[in-house]
């Protein structure tokens, strides 16, 4: 099977020749793997069956100032080193927090979908046509996290809970922007894009992030439109969500989400076998290889055992993509990373 055939077979709830494989890596782990594989393509060496295509950015962002870099939304970031040896870009300038009125929202310099060039999509699809071709990423629309970077997590939660008109207008600016970007990518792809990748953290370590009322009124209609957009172009909808989402899985099924991505096995409600039974033949999973416990802190044997469980139990009958539950962190032993992928590849 080609990678494309393998992925689509599994998402059609049949067993392919081997489990489809995905990976999520921090730059530090990416570099360690590149060195280990002597400069060879890391994705090829790990057997990854997915490739992403994107439009070409032609817009401009604010010039860096004093070590602070800016994104397309005007949020500024400073690189922060962590004890683990990794570095992350943390918000340092949060302009969306200054928006107090609807006039502020309307006068803000929002990015436009026109800032991207979409004519490159057909050729980029052609180059990776034997893989499962993806468009989008976990930052689209990413309402909670994406907006909180420029507005503050507490304020975004208050916006949602109070149905604040300014906060909801900011949410819709982000949602509408990414909807149109993805729509134009799908249009340019002309049927060559297999999966639309999305993101929204609907859970935390202890359960659902928002009440049923908040989810149904604020998130559900805005997320559903992305799923429907993917389906209108013959693609699958795959959405990242951290945390414990077992209570919301019936909602995802009703909304016709195809794949729930970055599945964490650690929260109490996320027992892999229980959630698999709840969603079998209705909602596919990607993830379930622990990046909180097993990969960073387990032995090679424990990593292999967890991988084998996912392969022998969870993957049966299709509907499962083998992957880490999140980006593999810099302090993870490389031998553990290699062990789980060797199991998936039957080595």
C-alpha atoms as a PDB file:
ATOM      1  CA  UNK A   1       0.000   0.000   0.000  1.00  0.00           C
ATOM      2  CA  UNK A   2       1.032   3.594  -0.517  1.00  0.00           C
ATOM      3  CA  UNK A   3       0.863   5.859   2.500  1.00  0.00           C
ATOM      4  CA  UNK A   4      -2.279   7.473   1.118  1.00  0.00           C
ATOM      5  CA  UNK A   5      -3.959   4.109   0.626  1.00  0.00           C
ATOM      6  CA  UNK A   6      -2.920   2.977   4.091  1.00  0.00           C
ATOM      7  CA  UNK A   7      -4.354   6.044   5.838  1.00  0.00           C
ATOM      8  CA  UNK A   8      -7.602   6.102   3.884  1.00  0.00           C
ATOM      9  CA  UNK A   9      -8.049   2.375   4.443  1.00  0.00           C
ATOM     10  CA  UNK A  10      -7.761   2.808   8.198  1.00  0.00           C
ATOM     11  CA  UNK A  11     -10.045   5.850   8.217  1.00  0.00           C
ATOM     12  CA  UNK A  12     -12.533   3.722   6.288  1.00  0.00           C
ATOM     13  CA  UNK A  13     -12.512   1.351   9.304  1.00  0.00           C
ATOM     14  CA  UNK A  14     -10.595  -1.437   7.648  1.00  0.00           C
ATOM     15  CA  UNK A  15      -7.165  -2.800   8.566  1.00  0.00           C
ATOM     16  CA  UNK A  16      -4.352  -1.749   6.212  1.00  0.00           C
ATOM     17  CA  UNK A  17      -1.053  -3.571   5.664  1.00  0.00           C
ATOM     18  CA  UNK A  18       0.306  -1.831   8.770  1.00  0.00           C
ATOM     19  CA  UNK A  19      -0.907   0.881  11.100  1.00  0.00           C
ATOM     20  CA  UNK A  20      -0.713   4.433   9.674  1.00  0.00           C
ATOM     21  CA  UNK A  21       1.988   6.466  11.409  1.00  0.00           C
ATOM     22  CA  UNK A  22       2.191  10.136  12.379  1.00  0.00           C
ATOM     23  CA  UNK A  23       4.665  12.055  14.537  1.00  0.00           C
ATOM     24  CA  UNK A  24       4.860  15.329  16.447  1.00  0.00           C
ATOM     25  CA  UNK A  25       8.367  16.515  17.348  1.00  0.00           C
ATOM     26  CA  UNK A  26       9.927  19.483  19.079  1.00  0.00           C
ATOM     27  CA  UNK A  27      12.826  21.004  17.098  1.00  0.00           C
ATOM     28  CA  UNK A  28      15.299  19.559  19.577  1.00  0.00           C
ATOM     29  CA  UNK A  29      14.055  15.986  19.079  1.00  0.00           C
ATOM     30  CA  UNK A  30      13.845  16.571  15.336  1.00  0.00           C
ATOM     31  CA  UNK A  31      17.536  17.506  15.310  1.00  0.00           C
ATOM     32  CA  UNK A  32      18.543  14.519  17.462  1.00  0.00           C
ATOM     33  CA  UNK A  33      16.719  12.191  15.083  1.00  0.00           C
ATOM     34  CA  UNK A  34      18.313  13.838  12.066  1.00  0.00           C
ATOM     35  CA  UNK A  35      21.746  13.213  13.555  1.00  0.00           C
ATOM     36  CA  UNK A  36      20.811   9.621  14.442  1.00  0.00           C
ATOM     37  CA  UNK A  37      19.600   8.957  10.891  1.00  0.00           C
ATOM     38  CA  UNK A  38      22.747  10.590   9.463  1.00  0.00           C
ATOM     39  CA  UNK A  39      20.907  13.420   7.730  1.00  0.00           C
ATOM     40  CA  UNK A  40      18.222  11.269   6.111  1.00  0.00           C
ATOM     41  CA  UNK A  41      14.617  12.448   6.013  1.00  0.00           C
ATOM     42  CA  UNK A  42      13.303  11.911   9.546  1.00  0.00           C
ATOM     43  CA  UNK A  43       9.707  11.421   8.440  1.00  0.00           C
ATOM     44  CA  UNK A  44      10.758   8.737   5.969  1.00  0.00           C
ATOM     45  CA  UNK A  45      12.877   6.959   8.572  1.00  0.00           C
ATOM     46  CA  UNK A  46       9.997   6.922  11.075  1.00  0.00           C
ATOM     47  CA  UNK A  47       7.539   5.674   8.444  1.00  0.00           C
ATOM     48  CA  UNK A  48       5.278   8.734   8.675  1.00  0.00           C
ATOM     49  CA  UNK A  49       2.388   8.455   6.225  1.00  0.00           C
ATOM     50  CA  UNK A  50       1.271  12.102   6.270  1.00  0.00           C
ATOM     51  CA  UNK A  51       2.552  15.232   4.529  1.00  0.00           C
ATOM     52  CA  UNK A  52       1.214  18.768   4.846  1.00  0.00           C
ATOM     53  CA  UNK A  53       0.762  21.333   2.093  1.00  0.00           C
ATOM     54  CA  UNK A  54       0.222  25.015   2.755  1.00  0.00           C
ATOM     55  CA  UNK A  55      -0.319  28.232   0.874  1.00  0.00           C
ATOM     56  CA  UNK A  56       2.602  30.611   0.418  1.00  0.00           C
ATOM     57  CA  UNK A  57       2.735  33.511   2.885  1.00  0.00           C
ATOM     58  CA  UNK A  58       3.083  36.783   0.983  1.00  0.00           C
ATOM     59  CA  UNK A  59       2.084  39.205   3.704  1.00  0.00           C
ATOM     60  CA  UNK A  60       4.181  41.133   6.166  1.00  0.00           C
ATOM     61  CA  UNK A  61       4.443  41.060   9.932  1.00  0.00           C
ATOM     62  CA  UNK A  62       5.719  43.691  12.313  1.00  0.00           C
ATOM     63  CA  UNK A  63       9.510  43.957  12.391  1.00  0.00           C
ATOM     64  CA  UNK A  64      11.193  42.282  15.412  1.00  0.00           C
ATOM     65  CA  UNK A  65      11.960  44.643  18.278  1.00  0.00           C
ATOM     66  CA  UNK A  66      14.300  44.028  21.195  1.00  0.00           C
ATOM     67  CA  UNK A  67      14.332  40.266  20.802  1.00  0.00           C
ATOM     68  CA  UNK A  68      10.571  40.121  20.316  1.00  0.00           C
ATOM     69  CA  UNK A  69       9.137  38.595  17.126  1.00  0.00           C
ATOM     70  CA  UNK A  70       5.578  39.159  15.949  1.00  0.00           C
ATOM     71  CA  UNK A  71       3.001  36.864  14.363  1.00  0.00           C
ATOM     72  CA  UNK A  72       0.329  37.694  11.805  1.00  0.00           C
ATOM     73  CA  UNK A  73      -2.090  38.708  14.591  1.00  0.00           C
ATOM     74  CA  UNK A  74       0.293  41.301  16.026  1.00  0.00           C
ATOM     75  CA  UNK A  75       1.197  39.237  19.097  1.00  0.00           C
ATOM     76  CA  UNK A  76       4.842  39.516  20.110  1.00  0.00           C
ATOM     77  CA  UNK A  77       6.907  36.604  21.444  1.00  0.00           C
ATOM     78  CA  UNK A  78      10.149  36.272  23.349  1.00  0.00           C
ATOM     79  CA  UNK A  79      12.130  33.028  23.238  1.00  0.00           C
ATOM     80  CA  UNK A  80      12.405  31.449  26.689  1.00  0.00           C
ATOM     81  CA  UNK A  81      14.848  28.678  27.588  1.00  0.00           C
ATOM     82  CA  UNK A  82      13.559  25.894  29.842  1.00  0.00           C
ATOM     83  CA  UNK A  83      15.419  23.645  32.243  1.00  0.00           C
ATOM     84  CA  UNK A  84      14.720  20.636  30.025  1.00  0.00           C
ATOM     85  CA  UNK A  85      17.006  22.141  27.421  1.00  0.00           C
ATOM     86  CA  UNK A  86      14.214  23.183  25.071  1.00  0.00           C
ATOM     87  CA  UNK A  87      13.102  26.691  24.150  1.00  0.00           C
ATOM     88  CA  UNK A  88       9.631  28.065  23.520  1.00  0.00           C
ATOM     89  CA  UNK A  89       8.227  31.324  22.221  1.00  0.00           C
ATOM     90  CA  UNK A  90       6.197  32.901  25.016  1.00  0.00           C
ATOM     91  CA  UNK A  91       3.846  35.904  24.553  1.00  0.00           C
ATOM     92  CA  UNK A  92       5.410  39.215  25.527  1.00  0.00           C
ATOM     93  CA  UNK A  93       3.186  41.713  23.664  1.00  0.00           C
ATOM     94  CA  UNK A  94      -0.578  41.030  23.790  1.00  0.00           C
ATOM     95  CA  UNK A  95      -2.412  43.577  21.632  1.00  0.00           C
ATOM     96  CA  UNK A  96      -5.792  41.811  21.626  1.00  0.00           C
ATOM     97  CA  UNK A  97      -6.027  42.497  25.359  1.00  0.00           C
ATOM     98  CA  UNK A  98      -6.289  46.194  24.484  1.00  0.00           C
ATOM     99  CA  UNK A  99      -9.470  45.732  22.441  1.00  0.00           C
ATOM    100  CA  UNK A 100     -12.294  47.009  24.663  1.00  0.00           C
ATOM    101  CA  UNK A 101     -15.040  48.089  22.263  1.00  0.00           C
ATOM    102  CA  UNK A 102     -16.522  46.982  18.963  1.00  0.00           C
ATOM    103  CA  UNK A 103     -14.908  50.039  17.364  1.00  0.00           C
ATOM    104  CA  UNK A 104     -11.539  48.716  18.591  1.00  0.00           C
ATOM    105  CA  UNK A 105     -12.271  45.380  16.954  1.00  0.00           C
ATOM    106  CA  UNK A 106     -13.249  46.928  13.636  1.00  0.00           C
ATOM    107  CA  UNK A 107     -10.245  49.239  13.494  1.00  0.00           C
ATOM    108  CA  UNK A 108      -7.681  46.553  14.407  1.00  0.00           C
ATOM    109  CA  UNK A 109      -5.302  45.514  11.558  1.00  0.00           C
ATOM    110  CA  UNK A 110      -6.544  41.929  11.130  1.00  0.00           C
ATOM    111  CA  UNK A 111      -4.726  39.660   8.669  1.00  0.00           C
ATOM    112  CA  UNK A 112      -6.467  38.806   5.399  1.00  0.00           C
ATOM    113  CA  UNK A 113      -6.676  35.471   3.559  1.00  0.00           C
ATOM    114  CA  UNK A 114      -5.432  37.483   0.569  1.00  0.00           C
ATOM    115  CA  UNK A 115      -2.003  37.608   2.230  1.00  0.00           C
ATOM    116  CA  UNK A 116      -1.436  34.020   1.084  1.00  0.00           C
ATOM    117  CA  UNK A 117      -0.730  32.718  -2.400  1.00  0.00           C
ATOM    118  CA  UNK A 118      -2.696  29.561  -3.222  1.00  0.00           C
ATOM    119  CA  UNK A 119      -1.375  28.845  -6.706  1.00  0.00           C
ATOM    120  CA  UNK A 120       1.449  26.742  -5.221  1.00  0.00           C
ATOM    121  CA  UNK A 121      -0.980  24.200  -3.769  1.00  0.00           C
ATOM    122  CA  UNK A 122      -1.446  21.955  -6.853  1.00  0.00           C
ATOM    123  CA  UNK A 123       2.290  21.392  -7.326  1.00  0.00           C
ATOM    124  CA  UNK A 124       2.848  20.880  -3.606  1.00  0.00           C
ATOM    125  CA  UNK A 125       0.088  18.259  -3.640  1.00  0.00           C
ATOM    126  CA  UNK A 126       1.625  16.548  -6.653  1.00  0.00           C
ATOM    127  CA  UNK A 127       5.012  16.199  -4.958  1.00  0.00           C
ATOM    128  CA  UNK A 128       3.478  14.312  -2.007  1.00  0.00           C
ATOM    129  CA  UNK A 129       0.628  12.604  -3.864  1.00  0.00           C
ATOM    130  CA  UNK A 130       1.500   9.128  -2.535  1.00  0.00           C
ATOM    131  CA  UNK A 131       1.076  10.288   1.059  1.00  0.00           C
ATOM    132  CA  UNK A 132      -2.034  11.302   2.947  1.00  0.00           C
ATOM    133  CA  UNK A 133      -2.080  14.984   1.979  1.00  0.00           C
ATOM    134  CA  UNK A 134      -3.068  17.361   4.782  1.00  0.00           C
ATOM    135  CA  UNK A 135      -3.973  21.031   4.831  1.00  0.00           C
ATOM    136  CA  UNK A 136      -4.213  23.119   7.992  1.00  0.00           C
ATOM    137  CA  UNK A 137      -2.764  22.487  11.438  1.00  0.00           C
ATOM    138  CA  UNK A 138      -3.565  22.443  15.153  1.00  0.00           C
ATOM    139  CA  UNK A 139      -3.543  26.252  15.224  1.00  0.00           C
ATOM    140  CA  UNK A 140      -6.689  26.463  13.090  1.00  0.00           C
ATOM    141  CA  UNK A 141      -9.007  27.801  14.432  1.00  0.00           C
ATOM    142  CA  UNK A 142      -7.592  27.123  17.935  1.00  0.00           C
ATOM    143  CA  UNK A 143     -10.000  29.567  19.521  1.00  0.00           C
ATOM    144  CA  UNK A 144      -8.971  29.244  23.155  1.00  0.00           C
ATOM    145  CA  UNK A 145      -5.192  28.945  22.879  1.00  0.00           C
ATOM    146  CA  UNK A 146      -4.735  30.958  19.722  1.00  0.00           C
ATOM    147  CA  UNK A 147      -6.563  34.015  20.974  1.00  0.00           C
ATOM    148  CA  UNK A 148      -5.238  33.742  24.520  1.00  0.00           C
ATOM    149  CA  UNK A 149      -1.709  34.281  23.198  1.00  0.00           C
ATOM    150  CA  UNK A 150      -2.687  37.820  22.262  1.00  0.00           C
ATOM    151  CA  UNK A 151      -5.452  38.462  24.787  1.00  0.00           C
ATOM    152  CA  UNK A 152      -4.695  36.347  27.858  1.00  0.00           C
ATOM    153  CA  UNK A 153      -6.179  32.991  28.840  1.00  0.00           C
ATOM    154  CA  UNK A 154      -8.231  34.392  31.719  1.00  0.00           C
ATOM    155  CA  UNK A 155      -9.774  37.077  29.528  1.00  0.00           C
ATOM    156  CA  UNK A 156     -10.715  34.636  26.761  1.00  0.00           C
ATOM    157  CA  UNK A 157     -12.385  32.323  29.286  1.00  0.00           C
ATOM    158  CA  UNK A 158     -14.316  35.305  30.683  1.00  0.00           C
ATOM    159  CA  UNK A 159     -15.265  36.363  27.158  1.00  0.00           C
ATOM    160  CA  UNK A 160     -16.730  32.933  26.476  1.00  0.00           C
ATOM    161  CA  UNK A 161     -18.461  32.544  29.830  1.00  0.00           C
ATOM    162  CA  UNK A 162     -20.072  36.006  29.661  1.00  0.00           C
ATOM    163  CA  UNK A 163     -20.702  35.928  25.890  1.00  0.00           C
ATOM    164  CA  UNK A 164     -18.926  39.272  25.712  1.00  0.00           C
ATOM    165  CA  UNK A 165     -19.596  40.835  22.320  1.00  0.00           C
ATOM    166  CA  UNK A 166     -16.039  42.097  21.910  1.00  0.00           C
ATOM    167  CA  UNK A 167     -14.560  38.735  22.859  1.00  0.00           C
ATOM    168  CA  UNK A 168     -16.912  36.847  20.548  1.00  0.00           C
ATOM    169  CA  UNK A 169     -16.159  39.267  17.714  1.00  0.00           C
ATOM    170  CA  UNK A 170     -12.438  38.571  18.132  1.00  0.00           C
ATOM    171  CA  UNK A 171     -13.183  34.849  18.082  1.00  0.00           C
ATOM    172  CA  UNK A 172     -15.101  35.220  14.836  1.00  0.00           C
ATOM    173  CA  UNK A 173     -12.312  37.248  13.240  1.00  0.00           C
ATOM    174  CA  UNK A 174      -9.986  34.298  13.830  1.00  0.00           C
ATOM    175  CA  UNK A 175     -12.510  31.645  12.859  1.00  0.00           C
ATOM    176  CA  UNK A 176     -13.548  33.401   9.643  1.00  0.00           C
ATOM    177  CA  UNK A 177      -9.927  34.017   8.641  1.00  0.00           C
ATOM    178  CA  UNK A 178      -8.864  30.395   8.964  1.00  0.00           C
ATOM    179  CA  UNK A 179     -12.076  29.103   7.417  1.00  0.00           C
ATOM    180  CA  UNK A 180     -11.382  31.106   4.271  1.00  0.00           C
ATOM    181  CA  UNK A 181      -7.693  30.166   4.172  1.00  0.00           C
ATOM    182  CA  UNK A 182      -8.559  26.470   4.371  1.00  0.00           C
ATOM    183  CA  UNK A 183     -11.389  26.856   1.865  1.00  0.00           C
ATOM    184  CA  UNK A 184      -9.049  28.403  -0.677  1.00  0.00           C
ATOM    185  CA  UNK A 185      -6.445  25.688  -0.064  1.00  0.00           C
ATOM    186  CA  UNK A 186      -9.053  22.993  -0.665  1.00  0.00           C
ATOM    187  CA  UNK A 187     -10.297  24.770  -3.771  1.00  0.00           C
ATOM    188  CA  UNK A 188      -6.763  25.034  -5.135  1.00  0.00           C
ATOM    189  CA  UNK A 189      -6.106  21.390  -4.241  1.00  0.00           C
ATOM    190  CA  UNK A 190      -9.005  20.314  -6.445  1.00  0.00           C
ATOM    191  CA  UNK A 191      -9.583  16.986  -4.678  1.00  0.00           C
ATOM    192  CA  UNK A 192      -5.922  16.223  -3.942  1.00  0.00           C
ATOM    193  CA  UNK A 193      -6.156  17.103  -0.232  1.00  0.00           C
ATOM    194  CA  UNK A 194      -7.198  14.130   1.886  1.00  0.00           C
ATOM    195  CA  UNK A 195      -7.383  15.585   5.402  1.00  0.00           C
ATOM    196  CA  UNK A 196      -8.113  18.995   6.896  1.00  0.00           C
ATOM    197  CA  UNK A 197      -6.147  19.368  10.149  1.00  0.00           C
ATOM    198  CA  UNK A 198      -7.660  21.530  12.884  1.00  0.00           C
ATOM    199  CA  UNK A 199      -7.149  22.237  16.557  1.00  0.00           C
ATOM    200  CA  UNK A 200      -9.175  23.157  19.635  1.00  0.00           C
ATOM    201  CA  UNK A 201      -8.308  22.136  23.185  1.00  0.00           C
ATOM    202  CA  UNK A 202     -11.686  20.992  24.508  1.00  0.00           C
ATOM    203  CA  UNK A 203     -10.317  19.187  27.552  1.00  0.00           C
ATOM    204  CA  UNK A 204      -7.829  19.548  30.369  1.00  0.00           C
ATOM    205  CA  UNK A 205      -6.176  16.990  32.621  1.00  0.00           C
ATOM    206  CA  UNK A 206      -9.298  16.642  34.777  1.00  0.00           C
ATOM    207  CA  UNK A 207     -12.127  16.801  32.255  1.00  0.00           C
ATOM    208  CA  UNK A 208     -13.859  19.036  29.764  1.00  0.00           C
ATOM    209  CA  UNK A 209     -12.530  22.589  29.432  1.00  0.00           C
ATOM    210  CA  UNK A 210     -15.936  24.278  29.194  1.00  0.00           C
ATOM    211  CA  UNK A 211     -19.471  23.568  30.332  1.00  0.00           C
ATOM    212  CA  UNK A 212     -21.872  21.865  27.924  1.00  0.00           C
ATOM    213  CA  UNK A 213     -23.627  25.196  27.443  1.00  0.00           C
ATOM    214  CA  UNK A 214     -20.438  27.028  26.547  1.00  0.00           C
ATOM    215  CA  UNK A 215     -19.321  24.257  24.213  1.00  0.00           C
ATOM    216  CA  UNK A 216     -22.678  23.987  22.450  1.00  0.00           C
ATOM    217  CA  UNK A 217     -23.199  27.714  22.015  1.00  0.00           C
ATOM    218  CA  UNK A 218     -19.690  29.012  21.361  1.00  0.00           C
ATOM    219  CA  UNK A 219     -17.534  26.176  20.070  1.00  0.00           C
ATOM    220  CA  UNK A 220     -19.869  23.719  18.394  1.00  0.00           C
ATOM    221  CA  UNK A 221     -21.223  25.897  15.560  1.00  0.00           C
ATOM    222  CA  UNK A 222     -17.794  27.351  14.823  1.00  0.00           C
ATOM    223  CA  UNK A 223     -16.034  23.980  14.735  1.00  0.00           C
ATOM    224  CA  UNK A 224     -18.789  22.172  12.849  1.00  0.00           C
ATOM    225  CA  UNK A 225     -18.448  24.540   9.882  1.00  0.00           C
ATOM    226  CA  UNK A 226     -14.829  23.426   9.438  1.00  0.00           C
ATOM    227  CA  UNK A 227     -15.817  19.745   9.475  1.00  0.00           C
ATOM    228  CA  UNK A 228     -18.529  20.434   6.912  1.00  0.00           C
ATOM    229  CA  UNK A 229     -16.071  22.396   4.782  1.00  0.00           C
ATOM    230  CA  UNK A 230     -13.667  19.444   4.698  1.00  0.00           C
ATOM    231  CA  UNK A 231     -16.442  17.040   3.751  1.00  0.00           C
ATOM    232  CA  UNK A 232     -17.718  19.348   0.993  1.00  0.00           C
ATOM    233  CA  UNK A 233     -14.351  18.871  -0.738  1.00  0.00           C
ATOM    234  CA  UNK A 234     -14.236  15.115  -0.129  1.00  0.00           C
ATOM    235  CA  UNK A 235     -11.662  15.380   2.684  1.00  0.00           C
ATOM    236  CA  UNK A 236     -11.657  14.046   6.238  1.00  0.00           C
ATOM    237  CA  UNK A 237     -11.733  16.381   9.245  1.00  0.00           C
ATOM    238  CA  UNK A 238      -9.070  15.727  11.884  1.00  0.00           C
ATOM    239  CA  UNK A 239      -8.959  17.844  15.045  1.00  0.00           C
ATOM    240  CA  UNK A 240      -6.301  18.091  17.752  1.00  0.00           C
ATOM    241  CA  UNK A 241      -7.536  18.347  21.329  1.00  0.00           C
ATOM    242  CA  UNK A 242      -5.474  17.918  24.452  1.00  0.00           C
ATOM    243  CA  UNK A 243      -6.896  16.654  27.719  1.00  0.00           C
ATOM    244  CA  UNK A 244      -9.818  14.516  28.803  1.00  0.00           C
ATOM    245  CA  UNK A 245     -12.501  14.746  26.114  1.00  0.00           C
ATOM    246  CA  UNK A 246     -14.384  11.495  26.741  1.00  0.00           C
ATOM    247  CA  UNK A 247     -17.597  13.341  27.695  1.00  0.00           C
ATOM    248  CA  UNK A 248     -17.500  15.325  24.449  1.00  0.00           C
ATOM    249  CA  UNK A 249     -16.755  12.425  22.112  1.00  0.00           C
ATOM    250  CA  UNK A 250     -20.468  11.761  21.435  1.00  0.00           C
ATOM    251  CA  UNK A 251     -20.721  15.433  20.449  1.00  0.00           C
ATOM    252  CA  UNK A 252     -17.780  15.081  18.065  1.00  0.00           C
ATOM    253  CA  UNK A 253     -19.448  12.042  16.526  1.00  0.00           C
ATOM    254  CA  UNK A 254     -22.747  13.914  16.130  1.00  0.00           C
ATOM    255  CA  UNK A 255     -20.818  16.808  14.520  1.00  0.00           C
ATOM    256  CA  UNK A 256     -19.240  14.256  12.112  1.00  0.00           C
ATOM    257  CA  UNK A 257     -15.615  14.772  13.091  1.00  0.00           C
ATOM    258  CA  UNK A 258     -13.609  11.972  11.480  1.00  0.00           C
ATOM    259  CA  UNK A 259     -10.419  11.860  13.574  1.00  0.00           C
ATOM    260  CA  UNK A 260      -9.655  13.080  17.095  1.00  0.00           C
ATOM    261  CA  UNK A 261      -5.955  13.874  17.193  1.00  0.00           C
ATOM    262  CA  UNK A 262      -3.232  13.997  19.875  1.00  0.00           C
ATOM    263  CA  UNK A 263      -5.193  11.689  22.142  1.00  0.00           C
ATOM    264  CA  UNK A 264      -3.763  11.721  25.672  1.00  0.00           C
ATOM    265  CA  UNK A 265      -3.964   8.390  27.546  1.00  0.00           C
ATOM    266  CA  UNK A 266      -3.009   9.849  30.960  1.00  0.00           C
ATOM    267  CA  UNK A 267      -6.233  11.596  32.177  1.00  0.00           C
ATOM    268  CA  UNK A 268      -8.579   9.436  34.232  1.00  0.00           C
ATOM    269  CA  UNK A 269     -11.359   9.479  31.638  1.00  0.00           C
ATOM    270  CA  UNK A 270      -9.102   8.570  28.715  1.00  0.00           C
ATOM    271  CA  UNK A 271      -8.527   4.856  29.226  1.00  0.00           C
ATOM    272  CA  UNK A 272      -7.670   3.783  25.660  1.00  0.00           C
ATOM    273  CA  UNK A 273      -9.819   0.659  25.634  1.00  0.00           C
ATOM    274  CA  UNK A 274     -12.861   2.404  27.129  1.00  0.00           C
ATOM    275  CA  UNK A 275     -12.835   5.351  24.751  1.00  0.00           C
ATOM    276  CA  UNK A 276     -12.127   3.017  21.841  1.00  0.00           C
ATOM    277  CA  UNK A 277     -15.258   1.028  22.688  1.00  0.00           C
ATOM    278  CA  UNK A 278     -17.245   4.279  22.928  1.00  0.00           C
ATOM    279  CA  UNK A 279     -16.135   5.500  19.502  1.00  0.00           C
ATOM    280  CA  UNK A 280     -15.434   2.367  17.457  1.00  0.00           C
ATOM    281  CA  UNK A 281     -16.540   2.722  13.816  1.00  0.00           C
ATOM    282  CA  UNK A 282     -17.631   6.320  14.524  1.00  0.00           C
ATOM    283  CA  UNK A 283     -14.568   8.378  15.482  1.00  0.00           C
ATOM    284  CA  UNK A 284     -10.975   7.484  14.639  1.00  0.00           C
ATOM    285  CA  UNK A 285      -8.093   8.243  16.997  1.00  0.00           C
ATOM    286  CA  UNK A 286      -4.583   9.574  16.439  1.00  0.00           C
ATOM    287  CA  UNK A 287      -2.129   9.459  19.318  1.00  0.00           C
ATOM    288  CA  UNK A 288      -2.304   7.513  22.620  1.00  0.00           C
ATOM    289  CA  UNK A 289       1.458   7.053  22.973  1.00  0.00           C
ATOM    290  CA  UNK A 290       2.131   8.808  26.269  1.00  0.00           C
ATOM    291  CA  UNK A 291       4.344  11.904  26.097  1.00  0.00           C
ATOM    292  CA  UNK A 292       3.726  12.728  29.768  1.00  0.00           C
ATOM    293  CA  UNK A 293       4.845   9.450  31.309  1.00  0.00           C
ATOM    294  CA  UNK A 294       5.960   6.517  29.178  1.00  0.00           C
ATOM    295  CA  UNK A 295       8.097   8.173  26.503  1.00  0.00           C
ATOM    296  CA  UNK A 296      10.018  10.557  28.800  1.00  0.00           C
ATOM    297  CA  UNK A 297      10.221   8.425  31.934  1.00  0.00           C
ATOM    298  CA  UNK A 298       9.653   4.787  30.960  1.00  0.00           C
ATOM    299  CA  UNK A 299      12.149   2.139  30.016  1.00  0.00           C
ATOM    300  CA  UNK A 300      12.622   0.968  26.445  1.00  0.00           C
ATOM    301  CA  UNK A 301      10.685  -2.176  27.358  1.00  0.00           C
ATOM    302  CA  UNK A 302       7.785  -0.140  28.777  1.00  0.00           C
ATOM    303  CA  UNK A 303       7.703   1.993  25.631  1.00  0.00           C
ATOM    304  CA  UNK A 304       7.600  -1.086  23.435  1.00  0.00           C
ATOM    305  CA  UNK A 305       4.843  -2.624  25.583  1.00  0.00           C
ATOM    306  CA  UNK A 306       2.668   0.484  25.298  1.00  0.00           C
ATOM    307  CA  UNK A 307       3.219   0.603  21.558  1.00  0.00           C
ATOM    308  CA  UNK A 308       2.338  -3.077  21.216  1.00  0.00           C
ATOM    309  CA  UNK A 309      -0.901  -2.577  23.154  1.00  0.00           C
ATOM    310  CA  UNK A 310      -1.956   0.198  20.803  1.00  0.00           C
ATOM    311  CA  UNK A 311      -1.080  -1.949  17.797  1.00  0.00           C
ATOM    312  CA  UNK A 312      -2.612  -5.216  19.025  1.00  0.00           C
ATOM    313  CA  UNK A 313      -5.729  -3.835  20.726  1.00  0.00           C
ATOM    314  CA  UNK A 314      -6.546  -0.267  19.682  1.00  0.00           C
ATOM    315  CA  UNK A 315      -5.627  -0.545  15.987  1.00  0.00           C
ATOM    316  CA  UNK A 316      -7.724  -3.661  15.370  1.00  0.00           C
ATOM    317  CA  UNK A 317     -10.455  -2.985  12.842  1.00  0.00           C
ATOM    318  CA  UNK A 318      -8.923   0.249  11.575  1.00  0.00           C
ATOM    319  CA  UNK A 319      -9.679   3.766  12.717  1.00  0.00           C
ATOM    320  CA  UNK A 320      -6.365   4.340  14.486  1.00  0.00           C
ATOM    321  CA  UNK A 321      -3.266   6.376  13.621  1.00  0.00           C
ATOM    322  CA  UNK A 322      -0.155   5.523  15.633  1.00  0.00           C
ATOM    323  CA  UNK A 323       1.366   8.707  17.077  1.00  0.00           C
ATOM    324  CA  UNK A 324       2.633  10.390  20.234  1.00  0.00           C
ATOM    325  CA  UNK A 325      -0.005  12.180  22.282  1.00  0.00           C
ATOM    326  CA  UNK A 326       1.746  15.509  21.685  1.00  0.00           C
ATOM    327  CA  UNK A 327       5.091  16.912  20.520  1.00  0.00           C
ATOM    328  CA  UNK A 328       7.858  14.738  21.944  1.00  0.00           C
ATOM    329  CA  UNK A 329       9.720  16.919  24.427  1.00  0.00           C
ATOM    330  CA  UNK A 330      13.491  17.615  24.400  1.00  0.00           C
ATOM    331  CA  UNK A 331      14.256  15.586  27.546  1.00  0.00           C
ATOM    332  CA  UNK A 332      12.804  12.367  26.086  1.00  0.00           C
ATOM    333  CA  UNK A 333      15.421   9.595  25.640  1.00  0.00           C
ATOM    334  CA  UNK A 334      16.017   9.010  21.960  1.00  0.00           C
ATOM    335  CA  UNK A 335      16.057   5.245  22.447  1.00  0.00           C
ATOM    336  CA  UNK A 336      12.456   5.434  23.705  1.00  0.00           C
ATOM    337  CA  UNK A 337      11.358   7.359  20.624  1.00  0.00           C
ATOM    338  CA  UNK A 338      13.033   4.862  18.334  1.00  0.00           C
ATOM    339  CA  UNK A 339      11.561   1.918  20.255  1.00  0.00           C
ATOM    340  CA  UNK A 340       7.912   2.874  19.712  1.00  0.00           C
ATOM    341  CA  UNK A 341       8.403   3.541  16.005  1.00  0.00           C
ATOM    342  CA  UNK A 342      10.303   0.305  15.540  1.00  0.00           C
ATOM    343  CA  UNK A 343       7.305  -1.522  17.022  1.00  0.00           C
ATOM    344  CA  UNK A 344       4.927   0.290  14.676  1.00  0.00           C
ATOM    345  CA  UNK A 345       7.096  -0.585  11.703  1.00  0.00           C
ATOM    346  CA  UNK A 346       7.454  -4.212  12.811  1.00  0.00           C
ATOM    347  CA  UNK A 347      11.221  -3.951  13.339  1.00  0.00           C
END
